[in-house]
N, C-alpha and C. Protein backbone atom coordinates (compact mmCIF):
# COMPACT_ATOMS: atom_id res chain seq x y z
N UNK A 1 4.20 -16.84 1.53
CA UNK A 1 2.81 -16.58 2.07
C UNK A 1 2.14 -15.84 1.17
N UNK A 2 0.76 -16.26 1.08
CA UNK A 2 0.11 -15.31 -0.15
C UNK A 2 -1.04 -14.58 0.86
N UNK A 3 -1.72 -13.72 0.29
CA UNK A 3 -2.78 -12.66 0.97
C UNK A 3 -3.97 -13.77 1.43
N UNK A 4 -4.30 -13.38 2.47
CA UNK A 4 -5.59 -14.09 3.03
C UNK A 4 -6.72 -13.59 2.23
N UNK A 5 -6.82 -12.39 2.02
CA UNK A 5 -7.98 -11.82 1.43
C UNK A 5 -7.49 -10.87 0.29
N UNK A 6 -8.29 -10.77 -0.72
CA UNK A 6 -8.08 -9.80 -1.98
C UNK A 6 -7.72 -8.41 -1.40
N UNK A 7 -8.40 -8.08 -0.44
CA UNK A 7 -8.27 -6.56 -0.03
C UNK A 7 -6.98 -6.39 0.76
N UNK A 8 -6.17 -7.37 1.22
CA UNK A 8 -5.09 -7.41 1.96
C UNK A 8 -3.76 -7.06 1.28
N UNK A 9 -2.65 -6.58 1.80
CA UNK A 9 -1.63 -6.42 1.42
C UNK A 9 -0.46 -7.21 2.15
N UNK A 10 0.30 -7.91 1.55
CA UNK A 10 1.19 -8.73 2.01
C UNK A 10 2.45 -8.86 1.46
N UNK A 11 3.37 -7.98 1.14
CA UNK A 11 4.48 -7.85 0.39
C UNK A 11 5.69 -8.75 0.97
N UNK A 12 5.84 -8.82 2.32
CA UNK A 12 6.79 -9.43 3.03
C UNK A 12 6.37 -10.80 3.73
N UNK A 13 5.09 -11.18 3.68
CA UNK A 13 4.51 -12.09 4.30
C UNK A 13 3.77 -11.80 5.62
N UNK A 14 3.90 -10.47 5.88
CA UNK A 14 3.13 -10.00 7.20
C UNK A 14 1.82 -9.17 6.62
N UNK A 15 0.76 -9.56 7.02
CA UNK A 15 -0.56 -9.10 6.40
C UNK A 15 -0.81 -7.57 6.93
N UNK A 16 -1.08 -6.77 5.92
CA UNK A 16 -1.30 -5.17 6.47
C UNK A 16 -2.63 -5.16 5.77
N UNK A 17 -3.63 -4.75 6.74
CA UNK A 17 -5.07 -4.42 6.44
C UNK A 17 -5.19 -2.87 6.24
N UNK A 18 -5.80 -2.38 5.07
CA UNK A 18 -6.07 -0.81 4.74
C UNK A 18 -7.51 -0.82 4.93
N UNK A 19 -7.88 0.17 5.33
CA UNK A 19 -9.60 0.53 5.44
C UNK A 19 -9.68 1.37 4.16
N UNK A 20 -10.13 0.69 3.03
CA UNK A 20 -10.20 1.14 1.89
C UNK A 20 -11.39 2.34 1.83
N UNK A 21 -12.18 2.16 2.54
CA UNK A 21 -13.42 3.26 2.77
C UNK A 21 -12.77 4.61 3.02
N UNK A 22 -11.80 4.64 3.80
CA UNK A 22 -11.21 6.04 4.26
C UNK A 22 -10.01 6.30 3.24
N UNK A 23 -9.63 5.64 2.19
CA UNK A 23 -8.55 5.99 1.34
C UNK A 23 -9.23 6.76 0.28
N UNK A 24 -9.55 8.01 0.52
CA UNK A 24 -10.31 8.89 -0.37
C UNK A 24 -9.11 9.72 -1.10
N UNK A 25 -9.41 10.45 -2.23
CA UNK A 25 -8.47 11.44 -2.64
C UNK A 25 -8.00 12.39 -1.88
N UNK A 26 -6.71 12.50 -1.64
CA UNK A 26 -6.10 13.42 -0.85
C UNK A 26 -5.60 12.66 0.35
N UNK A 27 -5.73 11.57 0.56
CA UNK A 27 -5.25 10.74 1.93
C UNK A 27 -4.03 9.80 1.33
N UNK A 28 -3.52 9.38 2.33
CA UNK A 28 -2.13 8.63 2.22
C UNK A 28 -2.10 7.49 3.16
N UNK A 29 -1.36 6.42 2.88
CA UNK A 29 -1.16 5.34 3.79
C UNK A 29 0.30 5.05 3.76
N UNK A 30 0.95 4.63 4.88
CA UNK A 30 2.28 4.09 4.92
C UNK A 30 2.43 2.59 5.07
N UNK A 31 2.93 1.91 4.17
CA UNK A 31 3.02 0.50 4.30
C UNK A 31 4.43 0.01 4.60
N UNK A 32 4.86 -0.55 5.97
CA UNK A 32 6.13 -0.75 6.27
C UNK A 32 6.40 -2.13 5.63
N UNK A 33 7.54 -2.16 4.84
CA UNK A 33 7.93 -3.42 4.18
C UNK A 33 9.34 -3.09 3.54
N UNK A 34 9.81 -4.26 3.21
CA UNK A 34 11.19 -4.42 2.46
C UNK A 34 10.99 -4.41 0.82
N UNK A 35 10.00 -5.34 0.61
CA UNK A 35 9.73 -5.57 -0.97
C UNK A 35 8.75 -4.35 -1.29
N UNK A 36 9.12 -3.27 -1.73
CA UNK A 36 8.23 -2.04 -2.15
C UNK A 36 7.64 -2.39 -3.37
N UNK A 37 8.36 -3.03 -4.14
CA UNK A 37 7.82 -3.42 -5.58
C UNK A 37 6.44 -4.22 -5.30
N UNK A 38 6.53 -5.28 -4.62
CA UNK A 38 5.31 -6.14 -4.50
C UNK A 38 4.19 -5.48 -3.67
N UNK A 39 4.75 -4.44 -2.75
CA UNK A 39 3.79 -3.67 -1.92
C UNK A 39 2.93 -2.96 -2.84
N UNK A 40 3.56 -2.21 -3.63
CA UNK A 40 2.68 -1.46 -4.88
C UNK A 40 1.80 -2.30 -5.63
N UNK A 41 2.35 -3.53 -6.28
CA UNK A 41 1.61 -4.56 -7.00
C UNK A 41 0.35 -4.81 -6.10
N UNK A 42 0.48 -5.25 -4.93
CA UNK A 42 -0.73 -5.57 -4.13
C UNK A 42 -1.60 -4.36 -3.87
N UNK A 43 -1.10 -3.28 -3.50
CA UNK A 43 -1.87 -2.00 -3.29
C UNK A 43 -2.83 -1.92 -4.45
N UNK A 44 -2.37 -1.84 -5.61
CA UNK A 44 -3.06 -1.51 -6.94
C UNK A 44 -4.17 -2.65 -6.82
N UNK A 45 -3.81 -4.08 -6.90
CA UNK A 45 -4.66 -4.98 -6.92
C UNK A 45 -5.80 -4.80 -5.90
N UNK A 46 -5.37 -4.61 -4.49
CA UNK A 46 -6.32 -4.91 -3.49
C UNK A 46 -7.17 -3.40 -3.38
N UNK A 47 -6.69 -2.43 -3.68
CA UNK A 47 -7.48 -1.12 -3.65
C UNK A 47 -8.23 -0.70 -4.75
N UNK A 48 -8.04 -1.56 -6.00
CA UNK A 48 -8.85 -1.24 -6.97
C UNK A 48 -8.66 0.05 -7.73
N UNK A 49 -7.40 0.54 -7.56
CA UNK A 49 -7.02 1.97 -8.02
C UNK A 49 -5.86 1.67 -9.16
N UNK A 50 -5.98 2.51 -10.09
CA UNK A 50 -4.82 2.45 -11.10
C UNK A 50 -3.62 3.13 -10.72
N UNK A 51 -2.75 2.83 -11.21
CA UNK A 51 -1.24 3.36 -10.84
C UNK A 51 -1.27 5.04 -11.23
N UNK A 52 -2.14 5.54 -12.20
CA UNK A 52 -2.12 6.80 -12.62
C UNK A 52 -2.92 7.59 -11.45
N UNK A 53 -3.79 6.90 -10.58
CA UNK A 53 -4.47 7.62 -9.54
C UNK A 53 -3.65 7.57 -8.24
N UNK A 54 -2.46 7.15 -8.23
CA UNK A 54 -1.75 7.16 -6.96
C UNK A 54 -0.23 7.77 -7.11
N UNK A 55 0.30 8.16 -6.30
CA UNK A 55 1.62 8.70 -6.15
C UNK A 55 2.20 7.92 -4.95
N UNK A 56 3.55 7.60 -5.01
CA UNK A 56 4.15 6.83 -4.14
C UNK A 56 5.63 7.28 -4.01
N UNK A 57 6.06 7.10 -2.61
CA UNK A 57 7.55 7.49 -2.28
C UNK A 57 8.11 6.38 -1.50
N UNK A 58 9.25 5.93 -1.58
CA UNK A 58 9.99 4.96 -0.69
C UNK A 58 10.69 5.84 0.48
N UNK A 59 10.38 5.33 1.63
CA UNK A 59 10.59 6.35 2.92
C UNK A 59 10.98 5.52 3.89
N UNK A 60 11.68 6.15 4.96
CA UNK A 60 11.73 5.58 6.15
C UNK A 60 10.80 6.51 7.30
N UNK A 61 10.19 5.94 7.87
CA UNK A 61 9.17 6.74 8.62
C UNK A 61 9.16 5.90 10.09
N UNK A 62 9.48 6.81 11.14
CA UNK A 62 9.40 6.20 12.59
C UNK A 62 10.60 5.13 12.58
N UNK A 63 11.53 5.08 11.91
CA UNK A 63 12.64 4.03 11.80
C UNK A 63 12.27 2.87 11.07
N UNK A 64 10.94 2.94 10.26
CA UNK A 64 10.67 1.63 9.61
C UNK A 64 10.88 2.00 8.12
N UNK A 65 11.25 1.03 7.42
CA UNK A 65 11.40 1.29 5.86
C UNK A 65 10.24 0.83 5.35
N UNK A 66 9.74 1.54 4.06
CA UNK A 66 8.44 1.06 3.76
C UNK A 66 7.97 2.18 2.43
N UNK A 67 6.79 2.08 2.07
CA UNK A 67 6.26 2.88 0.92
C UNK A 67 4.91 3.57 1.38
N UNK A 68 5.25 5.12 1.12
CA UNK A 68 3.95 5.90 1.42
C UNK A 68 3.12 5.99 0.19
N UNK A 69 1.76 5.82 0.20
CA UNK A 69 1.07 5.99 -1.19
C UNK A 69 0.04 7.06 -0.89
N UNK A 70 -0.08 7.97 -1.72
CA UNK A 70 -1.07 8.93 -1.71
C UNK A 70 -2.22 8.76 -2.86
N UNK A 71 -3.31 8.98 -2.67
CA UNK A 71 -4.41 8.81 -3.64
C UNK A 71 -4.75 10.17 -4.20
N UNK A 72 -4.48 10.44 -5.69
CA UNK A 72 -4.59 11.43 -6.23
C UNK A 72 -6.14 11.82 -6.71
N UNK A 73 -6.59 10.93 -7.30
CA UNK A 73 -8.11 10.92 -7.80
C UNK A 73 -9.02 9.99 -7.21
């Protein structure tokens, strides 16, 4: 399954919508997924941010596996 919109994230075939206007420096978002590599690829493409502008950690939050991404700049 591909992403429906360029601004969507869909690493495992489930659409995740991020409000990009609220993703400002200092904020973070958790993306529940199994394919964390593809999630980061989609995140960079959809958000229009470079890899050097974000930090990420693979985590389990509320019993869900995924990746948390912080915006640095």
